[in-house]
Amino acid sequence: NKPSGLQVLPGGLFQQRTVLTQLCWSIKKQNPP
């Protein structure tokens, strides 16, 4: 459930603050895929 205001993929001013970044960070806390 994506909140309003959050960009999905990097682009323009938003290179880190994206859904993709949060997905990357979340998997790092788990065991190897």
Full PDB file with SEQRES, HELIX, SHEET, SSBOND, CRYST1, ORIGX, SCALE, CONECT and MASTER records, all heavy atoms in Angstrom:
SEQRES   1 A   33  ASN LYS PRO SER GLY LEU GLN VAL LEU PRO GLY GLY LEU          
SEQRES   2 A   33  PHE GLN GLN ARG THR VAL LEU THR GLN LEU CYS TRP SER          
SEQRES   3 A   33  ILE LYS LYS GLN ASN PRO PRO                                  
HELIX    1 AA1 VAL A   19  LYS A   28  1                                  10    
CRYST1    1.000    1.000    1.000  90.00  90.00  90.00 P 1           1          
ORIGX1      1.000000  0.000000  0.000000        0.00000                         
ORIGX2      0.000000  1.000000  0.000000        0.00000                         
ORIGX3      0.000000  0.000000  1.000000        0.00000                         
SCALE1      1.000000  0.000000  0.000000        0.00000                         
SCALE2      0.000000  1.000000  0.000000        0.00000                         
SCALE3      0.000000  0.000000  1.000000        0.00000                         
ATOM      1  N   ASN A   1       0.870  -1.171   0.000  1.00  0.00           N  
ATOM      2  CA  ASN A   1       0.000   0.000   0.000  1.00  0.00           C  
ATOM      3  C   ASN A   1       0.907   1.221   0.000  1.00  0.00           C  
ATOM      4  O   ASN A   1       1.418   1.641   1.036  1.00  0.00           O  
ATOM      5  CB  ASN A   1      -0.908  -0.015   1.230  1.00  0.00           C  
ATOM      6  CG  ASN A   1      -1.963   1.086   1.180  1.00  0.00           C  
ATOM      7  OD1 ASN A   1      -2.157   1.731   0.150  1.00  0.00           O  
ATOM      8  ND2 ASN A   1      -2.628   1.301   2.299  1.00  0.00           N  
ATOM      9  N   LYS A   2       1.162   1.782  -1.183  1.00  0.00           N  
ATOM     10  CA  LYS A   2       2.091   2.905  -1.311  1.00  0.00           C  
ATOM     11  C   LYS A   2       1.432   4.201  -0.840  1.00  0.00           C  
ATOM     12  O   LYS A   2       0.334   4.535  -1.289  1.00  0.00           O  
ATOM     13  CB  LYS A   2       2.543   3.061  -2.766  1.00  0.00           C  
ATOM     14  CG  LYS A   2       3.649   4.113  -2.938  1.00  0.00           C  
ATOM     15  CD  LYS A   2       3.929   4.389  -4.397  1.00  0.00           C  
ATOM     16  CE  LYS A   2       2.975   5.400  -4.987  1.00  0.00           C  
ATOM     17  NZ  LYS A   2       3.152   6.771  -4.417  1.00  0.00           N  
ATOM     18  N   PRO A   3       2.100   4.937   0.023  1.00  0.00           N  
ATOM     19  CA  PRO A   3       1.527   6.225   0.452  1.00  0.00           C  
ATOM     20  C   PRO A   3       1.717   7.302  -0.607  1.00  0.00           C  
ATOM     21  O   PRO A   3       2.651   7.240  -1.422  1.00  0.00           O  
ATOM     22  CB  PRO A   3       2.325   6.556   1.718  1.00  0.00           C  
ATOM     23  CG  PRO A   3       3.652   5.887   1.501  1.00  0.00           C  
ATOM     24  CD  PRO A   3       3.358   4.628   0.724  1.00  0.00           C  
ATOM     25  N   SER A   4       0.842   8.264  -0.609  1.00  0.00           N  
ATOM     26  CA  SER A   4       0.989   9.407  -1.501  1.00  0.00           C  
ATOM     27  C   SER A   4       2.273  10.163  -1.165  1.00  0.00           C  
ATOM     28  O   SER A   4       2.638  10.309  -0.001  1.00  0.00           O  
ATOM     29  CB  SER A   4      -0.213  10.338  -1.338  1.00  0.00           C  
ATOM     30  OG  SER A   4      -0.023  11.534  -2.064  1.00  0.00           O  
ATOM     31  N   GLY A   5       2.962  10.629  -2.198  1.00  0.00           N  
ATOM     32  CA  GLY A   5       4.183  11.409  -2.008  1.00  0.00           C  
ATOM     33  C   GLY A   5       5.449  10.608  -2.190  1.00  0.00           C  
ATOM     34  O   GLY A   5       6.524  11.190  -2.400  1.00  0.00           O  
ATOM     35  N   LEU A   6       5.375   9.289  -2.106  1.00  0.00           N  
ATOM     36  CA  LEU A   6       6.567   8.447  -2.212  1.00  0.00           C  
ATOM     37  C   LEU A   6       6.730   7.957  -3.643  1.00  0.00           C  
ATOM     38  O   LEU A   6       5.829   7.344  -4.209  1.00  0.00           O  
ATOM     39  CB  LEU A   6       6.463   7.263  -1.254  1.00  0.00           C  
ATOM     40  CG  LEU A   6       7.660   6.300  -1.226  1.00  0.00           C  
ATOM     41  CD1 LEU A   6       8.933   7.018  -0.819  1.00  0.00           C  
ATOM     42  CD2 LEU A   6       7.372   5.125  -0.298  1.00  0.00           C  
ATOM     43  N   GLN A   7       7.888   8.213  -4.217  1.00  0.00           N  
ATOM     44  CA  GLN A   7       8.171   7.797  -5.587  1.00  0.00           C  
ATOM     45  C   GLN A   7       8.532   6.316  -5.618  1.00  0.00           C  
ATOM     46  O   GLN A   7       9.134   5.793  -4.673  1.00  0.00           O  
ATOM     47  CB  GLN A   7       9.320   8.644  -6.151  1.00  0.00           C  
ATOM     48  CG  GLN A   7       9.544   8.506  -7.635  1.00  0.00           C  
ATOM     49  CD  GLN A   7      10.220   9.736  -8.219  1.00  0.00           C  
ATOM     50  OE1 GLN A   7       9.685  10.845  -8.145  1.00  0.00           O  
ATOM     51  NE2 GLN A   7      11.382   9.547  -8.810  1.00  0.00           N  
ATOM     52  N   VAL A   8       8.197   5.638  -6.718  1.00  0.00           N  
ATOM     53  CA  VAL A   8       8.454   4.200  -6.819  1.00  0.00           C  
ATOM     54  C   VAL A   8       9.914   3.921  -7.171  1.00  0.00           C  
ATOM     55  O   VAL A   8      10.607   3.158  -6.485  1.00  0.00           O  
ATOM     56  CB  VAL A   8       7.527   3.551  -7.866  1.00  0.00           C  
ATOM     57  CG1 VAL A   8       7.888   2.077  -8.065  1.00  0.00           C  
ATOM     58  CG2 VAL A   8       6.074   3.677  -7.424  1.00  0.00           C  
ATOM     59  N   LEU A   9      10.420   4.539  -8.239  1.00  0.00           N  
ATOM     60  CA  LEU A   9      11.788   4.314  -8.714  1.00  0.00           C  
ATOM     61  C   LEU A   9      12.575   5.617  -8.703  1.00  0.00           C  
ATOM     62  O   LEU A   9      11.983   6.704  -8.745  1.00  0.00           O  
ATOM     63  CB  LEU A   9      11.768   3.737 -10.132  1.00  0.00           C  
ATOM     64  CG  LEU A   9      11.033   2.398 -10.320  1.00  0.00           C  
ATOM     65  CD1 LEU A   9      11.022   2.015 -11.790  1.00  0.00           C  
ATOM     66  CD2 LEU A   9      11.660   1.304  -9.477  1.00  0.00           C  
ATOM     67  N   PRO A  10      13.910   5.547  -8.657  1.00  0.00           N  
ATOM     68  CA  PRO A  10      14.721   6.767  -8.648  1.00  0.00           C  
ATOM     69  C   PRO A  10      14.485   7.620  -9.887  1.00  0.00           C  
ATOM     70  O   PRO A  10      14.293   7.105 -10.990  1.00  0.00           O  
ATOM     71  CB  PRO A  10      16.162   6.230  -8.617  1.00  0.00           C  
ATOM     72  CG  PRO A  10      16.056   4.863  -8.042  1.00  0.00           C  
ATOM     73  CD  PRO A  10      14.739   4.332  -8.535  1.00  0.00           C  
ATOM     74  N   GLY A  11      14.513   8.936  -9.678  1.00  0.00           N  
ATOM     75  CA  GLY A  11      14.355   9.874 -10.783  1.00  0.00           C  
ATOM     76  C   GLY A  11      14.289  11.292 -10.268  1.00  0.00           C  
ATOM     77  O   GLY A  11      13.724  11.542  -9.202  1.00  0.00           O  
ATOM     78  N   GLY A  12      14.898  12.227 -10.987  1.00  0.00           N  
ATOM     79  CA  GLY A  12      14.858  13.631 -10.588  1.00  0.00           C  
ATOM     80  C   GLY A  12      15.492  13.854  -9.225  1.00  0.00           C  
ATOM     81  O   GLY A  12      16.588  13.370  -8.938  1.00  0.00           O  
ATOM     82  N   LEU A  13      14.779  14.571  -8.356  1.00  0.00           N  
ATOM     83  CA  LEU A  13      15.303  14.871  -7.017  1.00  0.00           C  
ATOM     84  C   LEU A  13      15.302  13.648  -6.109  1.00  0.00           C  
ATOM     85  O   LEU A  13      15.972  13.639  -5.075  1.00  0.00           O  
ATOM     86  CB  LEU A  13      14.464  15.974  -6.372  1.00  0.00           C  
ATOM     87  CG  LEU A  13      14.536  17.355  -7.020  1.00  0.00           C  
ATOM     88  CD1 LEU A  13      13.574  18.303  -6.322  1.00  0.00           C  
ATOM     89  CD2 LEU A  13      15.949  17.907  -6.960  1.00  0.00           C  
ATOM     90  N   PHE A  14      14.549  12.611  -6.482  1.00  0.00           N  
ATOM     91  CA  PHE A  14      14.387  11.444  -5.612  1.00  0.00           C  
ATOM     92  C   PHE A  14      15.251  10.291  -6.106  1.00  0.00           C  
ATOM     93  O   PHE A  14      14.859   9.542  -7.004  1.00  0.00           O  
ATOM     94  CB  PHE A  14      12.920  11.026  -5.548  1.00  0.00           C  
ATOM     95  CG  PHE A  14      12.019  12.074  -4.957  1.00  0.00           C  
ATOM     96  CD1 PHE A  14      11.380  12.997  -5.772  1.00  0.00           C  
ATOM     97  CD2 PHE A  14      11.830  12.149  -3.584  1.00  0.00           C  
ATOM     98  CE1 PHE A  14      10.561  13.961  -5.234  1.00  0.00           C  
ATOM     99  CE2 PHE A  14      11.009  13.125  -3.033  1.00  0.00           C  
ATOM    100  CZ  PHE A  14      10.372  14.033  -3.857  1.00  0.00           C  
ATOM    101  N   GLN A  15      16.439  10.171  -5.530  1.00  0.00           N  
ATOM    102  CA  GLN A  15      17.337   9.086  -5.895  1.00  0.00           C  
ATOM    103  C   GLN A  15      17.392   8.002  -4.825  1.00  0.00           C  
ATOM    104  O   GLN A  15      17.650   6.844  -5.127  1.00  0.00           O  
ATOM    105  CB  GLN A  15      18.750   9.637  -6.142  1.00  0.00           C  
ATOM    106  CG  GLN A  15      18.842  10.552  -7.338  1.00  0.00           C  
ATOM    107  CD  GLN A  15      18.508   9.852  -8.642  1.00  0.00           C  
ATOM    108  OE1 GLN A  15      18.878   8.699  -8.858  1.00  0.00           O  
ATOM    109  NE2 GLN A  15      17.818  10.544  -9.541  1.00  0.00           N  
ATOM    110  N   GLN A  16      17.149   8.376  -3.589  1.00  0.00           N  
ATOM    111  CA  GLN A  16      17.179   7.413  -2.492  1.00  0.00           C  
ATOM    112  C   GLN A  16      15.791   7.215  -1.882  1.00  0.00           C  
ATOM    113  O   GLN A  16      15.400   6.081  -1.579  1.00  0.00           O  
ATOM    114  CB  GLN A  16      18.154   7.865  -1.405  1.00  0.00           C  
ATOM    115  CG  GLN A  16      18.274   6.871  -0.252  1.00  0.00           C  
ATOM    116  CD  GLN A  16      19.230   7.362   0.815  1.00  0.00           C  
ATOM    117  OE1 GLN A  16      18.972   8.366   1.476  1.00  0.00           O  
ATOM    118  NE2 GLN A  16      20.352   6.668   0.973  1.00  0.00           N  
ATOM    119  N   ARG A  17      15.043   8.262  -1.722  1.00  0.00           N  
ATOM    120  CA  ARG A  17      13.750   8.189  -1.042  1.00  0.00           C  
ATOM    121  C   ARG A  17      12.683   7.645  -1.986  1.00  0.00           C  
ATOM    122  O   ARG A  17      11.840   8.378  -2.508  1.00  0.00           O  
ATOM    123  CB  ARG A  17      13.373   9.557  -0.471  1.00  0.00           C  
ATOM    124  CG  ARG A  17      14.394  10.038   0.564  1.00  0.00           C  
ATOM    125  CD  ARG A  17      13.989  11.314   1.249  1.00  0.00           C  
ATOM    126  NE  ARG A  17      14.989  11.684   2.244  1.00  0.00           N  
ATOM    127  CZ  ARG A  17      14.853  12.645   3.151  1.00  0.00           C  
ATOM    128  NH1 ARG A  17      13.719  13.345   3.195  1.00  0.00           N  
ATOM    129  NH2 ARG A  17      15.799  12.904   4.011  1.00  0.00           N  
ATOM    130  N   THR A  18      12.741   6.318  -2.193  1.00  0.00           N  
ATOM    131  CA  THR A  18      11.847   5.630  -3.110  1.00  0.00           C  
ATOM    132  C   THR A  18      11.388   4.311  -2.492  1.00  0.00           C  
ATOM    133  O   THR A  18      11.985   3.808  -1.528  1.00  0.00           O  
ATOM    134  CB  THR A  18      12.543   5.319  -4.442  1.00  0.00           C  
ATOM    135  OG1 THR A  18      13.600   4.372  -4.207  1.00  0.00           O  
ATOM    136  CG2 THR A  18      13.121   6.582  -5.079  1.00  0.00           C  
ATOM    137  N   VAL A  19      10.338   3.746  -3.075  1.00  0.00           N  
ATOM    138  CA  VAL A  19       9.884   2.413  -2.667  1.00  0.00           C  
ATOM    139  C   VAL A  19      10.995   1.392  -2.894  1.00  0.00           C  
ATOM    140  O   VAL A  19      11.241   0.517  -2.056  1.00  0.00           O  
ATOM    141  CB  VAL A  19       8.626   2.003  -3.463  1.00  0.00           C  
ATOM    142  CG1 VAL A  19       8.275   0.543  -3.184  1.00  0.00           C  
ATOM    143  CG2 VAL A  19       7.454   2.903  -3.126  1.00  0.00           C  
ATOM    144  N   LEU A  20      11.687   1.504  -4.022  1.00  0.00           N  
ATOM    145  CA  LEU A  20      12.740   0.540  -4.355  1.00  0.00           C  
ATOM    146  C   LEU A  20      13.815   0.500  -3.278  1.00  0.00           C  
ATOM    147  O   LEU A  20      14.289  -0.569  -2.896  1.00  0.00           O  
ATOM    148  CB  LEU A  20      13.356   0.893  -5.709  1.00  0.00           C  
ATOM    149  CG  LEU A  20      14.390  -0.107  -6.239  1.00  0.00           C  
ATOM    150  CD1 LEU A  20      13.757  -1.472  -6.468  1.00  0.00           C  
ATOM    151  CD2 LEU A  20      15.020   0.417  -7.534  1.00  0.00           C  
ATOM    152  N   THR A  21      14.193   1.661  -2.759  1.00  0.00           N  
ATOM    153  CA  THR A  21      15.209   1.699  -1.704  1.00  0.00           C  
ATOM    154  C   THR A  21      14.736   0.972  -0.455  1.00  0.00           C  
ATOM    155  O   THR A  21      15.476   0.190   0.143  1.00  0.00           O  
ATOM    156  CB  THR A  21      15.564   3.151  -1.354  1.00  0.00           C  
ATOM    157  OG1 THR A  21      16.128   3.794  -2.499  1.00  0.00           O  
ATOM    158  CG2 THR A  21      16.577   3.208  -0.207  1.00  0.00           C  
ATOM    159  N   GLN A  22      13.493   1.207  -0.045  1.00  0.00           N  
ATOM    160  CA  GLN A  22      12.974   0.532   1.149  1.00  0.00           C  
ATOM    161  C   GLN A  22      12.929  -0.982   0.950  1.00  0.00           C  
ATOM    162  O   GLN A  22      13.202  -1.750   1.877  1.00  0.00           O  
ATOM    163  CB  GLN A  22      11.590   1.069   1.506  1.00  0.00           C  
ATOM    164  CG  GLN A  22      11.579   2.495   2.052  1.00  0.00           C  
ATOM    165  CD  GLN A  22      12.232   2.617   3.421  1.00  0.00           C  
ATOM    166  OE1 GLN A  22      12.555   1.622   4.074  1.00  0.00           O  
ATOM    167  NE2 GLN A  22      12.437   3.858   3.865  1.00  0.00           N  
ATOM    168  N   LEU A  23      12.605  -1.436  -0.256  1.00  0.00           N  
ATOM    169  CA  LEU A  23      12.614  -2.865  -0.537  1.00  0.00           C  
ATOM    170  C   LEU A  23      14.025  -3.432  -0.432  1.00  0.00           C  
ATOM    171  O   LEU A  23      14.234  -4.527   0.102  1.00  0.00           O  
ATOM    172  CB  LEU A  23      12.038  -3.134  -1.932  1.00  0.00           C  
ATOM    173  CG  LEU A  23      10.535  -2.929  -2.089  1.00  0.00           C  
ATOM    174  CD1 LEU A  23      10.141  -2.993  -3.563  1.00  0.00           C  
ATOM    175  CD2 LEU A  23       9.759  -3.965  -1.289  1.00  0.00           C  
ATOM    176  N   CYS A  24      15.009  -2.694  -0.931  1.00  0.00           N  
ATOM    177  CA  CYS A  24      16.416  -3.124  -0.827  1.00  0.00           C  
ATOM    178  C   CYS A  24      16.851  -3.212   0.629  1.00  0.00           C  
ATOM    179  O   CYS A  24      17.487  -4.186   1.046  1.00  0.00           O  
ATOM    180  CB  CYS A  24      17.324  -2.154  -1.575  1.00  0.00           C  
ATOM    181  SG  CYS A  24      17.131  -2.139  -3.359  1.00  0.00           S  
ATOM    182  N   TRP A  25      16.506  -2.188   1.403  1.00  0.00           N  
ATOM    183  CA  TRP A  25      16.898  -2.182   2.813  1.00  0.00           C  
ATOM    184  C   TRP A  25      16.232  -3.311   3.586  1.00  0.00           C  
ATOM    185  O   TRP A  25      16.845  -3.924   4.463  1.00  0.00           O  
ATOM    186  CB  TRP A  25      16.539  -0.835   3.444  1.00  0.00           C  
ATOM    187  CG  TRP A  25      17.397   0.300   2.994  1.00  0.00           C  
ATOM    188  CD1 TRP A  25      18.558   0.225   2.279  1.00  0.00           C  
ATOM    189  CD2 TRP A  25      17.176   1.693   3.224  1.00  0.00           C  
ATOM    190  NE1 TRP A  25      19.068   1.478   2.039  1.00  0.00           N  
ATOM    191  CE2 TRP A  25      18.239   2.401   2.614  1.00  0.00           C  
ATOM    192  CE3 TRP A  25      16.175   2.418   3.876  1.00  0.00           C  
ATOM    193  CZ2 TRP A  25      18.328   3.787   2.653  1.00  0.00           C  
ATOM    194  CZ3 TRP A  25      16.260   3.802   3.918  1.00  0.00           C  
ATOM    195  CH2 TRP A  25      17.334   4.479   3.314  1.00  0.00           C  
ATOM    196  N   SER A  26      14.982  -3.598   3.260  1.00  0.00           N  
ATOM    197  CA  SER A  26      14.254  -4.618   4.016  1.00  0.00           C  
ATOM    198  C   SER A  26      14.860  -5.996   3.830  1.00  0.00           C  
ATOM    199  O   SER A  26      14.914  -6.799   4.761  1.00  0.00           O  
ATOM    200  CB  SER A  26      12.779  -4.634   3.598  1.00  0.00           C  
ATOM    201  OG  SER A  26      12.626  -5.144   2.287  1.00  0.00           O  
ATOM    202  N   ILE A  27      15.337  -6.296   2.631  1.00  0.00           N  
ATOM    203  CA  ILE A  27      15.860  -7.632   2.355  1.00  0.00           C  
ATOM    204  C   ILE A  27      17.214  -7.837   3.010  1.00  0.00           C  
ATOM    205  O   ILE A  27      17.621  -8.967   3.305  1.00  0.00           O  
ATOM    206  CB  ILE A  27      15.941  -7.883   0.828  1.00  0.00           C  
ATOM    207  CG1 ILE A  27      15.829  -9.382   0.522  1.00  0.00           C  
ATOM    208  CG2 ILE A  27      17.200  -7.314   0.246  1.00  0.00           C  
ATOM    209  CD1 ILE A  27      14.467  -9.955   0.800  1.00  0.00           C  
ATOM    210  N   LYS A  28      17.941  -6.736   3.257  1.00  0.00           N  
ATOM    211  CA  LYS A  28      19.262  -6.858   3.876  1.00  0.00           C  
ATOM    212  C   LYS A  28      19.170  -7.372   5.307  1.00  0.00           C  
ATOM    213  O   LYS A  28      20.137  -7.926   5.841  1.00  0.00           O  
ATOM    214  CB  LYS A  28      19.982  -5.503   3.865  1.00  0.00           C  
ATOM    215  CG  LYS A  28      20.442  -5.063   2.490  1.00  0.00           C  
ATOM    216  CD  LYS A  28      21.157  -3.728   2.552  1.00  0.00           C  
ATOM    217  CE  LYS A  28      21.622  -3.295   1.171  1.00  0.00           C  
ATOM    218  NZ  LYS A  28      22.305  -1.964   1.216  1.00  0.00           N  
ATOM    219  N   LYS A  29      18.003  -7.204   5.937  1.00  0.00           N  
ATOM    220  CA  LYS A  29      17.838  -7.649   7.324  1.00  0.00           C  
ATOM    221  C   LYS A  29      17.425  -9.107   7.403  1.00  0.00           C  
ATOM    222  O   LYS A  29      17.300  -9.658   8.493  1.00  0.00           O  
ATOM    223  CB  LYS A  29      16.792  -6.776   8.020  1.00  0.00           C  
ATOM    224  CG  LYS A  29      17.175  -5.309   8.088  1.00  0.00           C  
ATOM    225  CD  LYS A  29      16.231  -4.540   8.990  1.00  0.00           C  
ATOM    226  CE  LYS A  29      14.824  -4.528   8.465  1.00  0.00           C  
ATOM    227  NZ  LYS A  29      13.916  -3.706   9.305  1.00  0.00           N  
ATOM    228  N   GLN A  30      17.223  -9.743   6.233  1.00  0.00           N  
ATOM    229  CA  GLN A  30      16.774 -11.125   6.219  1.00  0.00           C  
ATOM    230  C   GLN A  30      17.913 -12.065   5.854  1.00  0.00           C  
ATOM    231  O   GLN A  30      19.016 -11.651   5.531  1.00  0.00           O  
ATOM    232  CB  GLN A  30      15.633 -11.282   5.208  1.00  0.00           C  
ATOM    233  CG  GLN A  30      14.430 -10.405   5.518  1.00  0.00           C  
ATOM    234  CD  GLN A  30      13.330 -10.607   4.492  1.00  0.00           C  
ATOM    235  OE1 GLN A  30      13.174 -11.677   3.942  1.00  0.00           O  
ATOM    236  NE2 GLN A  30      12.569  -9.564   4.244  1.00  0.00           N  
ATOM    237  N   ASN A  31      17.598 -13.340   5.892  1.00  0.00           N  
ATOM    238  CA  ASN A  31      18.564 -14.344   5.485  1.00  0.00           C  
ATOM    239  C   ASN A  31      18.770 -14.257   3.977  1.00  0.00           C  
ATOM    240  O   ASN A  31      17.979 -13.641   3.260  1.00  0.00           O  
ATOM    241  CB  ASN A  31      18.055 -15.737   5.856  1.00  0.00           C  
ATOM    242  CG  ASN A  31      17.968 -15.919   7.364  1.00  0.00           C  
ATOM    243  OD1 ASN A  31      18.801 -15.394   8.093  1.00  0.00           O  
ATOM    244  ND2 ASN A  31      16.963 -16.644   7.816  1.00  0.00           N  
ATOM    245  N   PRO A  32      19.836 -14.877   3.437  1.00  0.00           N  
ATOM    246  CA  PRO A  32      20.033 -14.867   1.991  1.00  0.00           C  
ATOM    247  C   PRO A  32      18.775 -15.360   1.274  1.00  0.00           C  
ATOM    248  O   PRO A  32      18.095 -16.265   1.758  1.00  0.00           O  
ATOM    249  CB  PRO A  32      21.198 -15.837   1.789  1.00  0.00           C  
ATOM    250  CG  PRO A  32      21.952 -15.779   3.080  1.00  0.00           C  
ATOM    251  CD  PRO A  32      20.902 -15.593   4.139  1.00  0.00           C  
ATOM    252  N   PRO A  33      18.432 -14.773   0.131  1.00  0.00           N  
ATOM    253  CA  PRO A  33      17.201 -15.149  -0.568  1.00  0.00           C  
ATOM    254  C   PRO A  33      17.220 -16.598  -1.027  1.00  0.00           C  
ATOM    255  O   PRO A  33      18.271 -17.198  -1.210  1.00  0.00           O  
ATOM    256  CB  PRO A  33      17.173 -14.185  -1.761  1.00  0.00           C  
ATOM    257  CG  PRO A  33      18.603 -13.792  -1.967  1.00  0.00           C  
ATOM    258  CD  PRO A  33      19.204 -13.760  -0.597  1.00  0.00           C  
TER     259      PRO A  33                                                      
MASTER        0    0    0    1    0    0    0    6  258    1    0    3          
END                                                                             
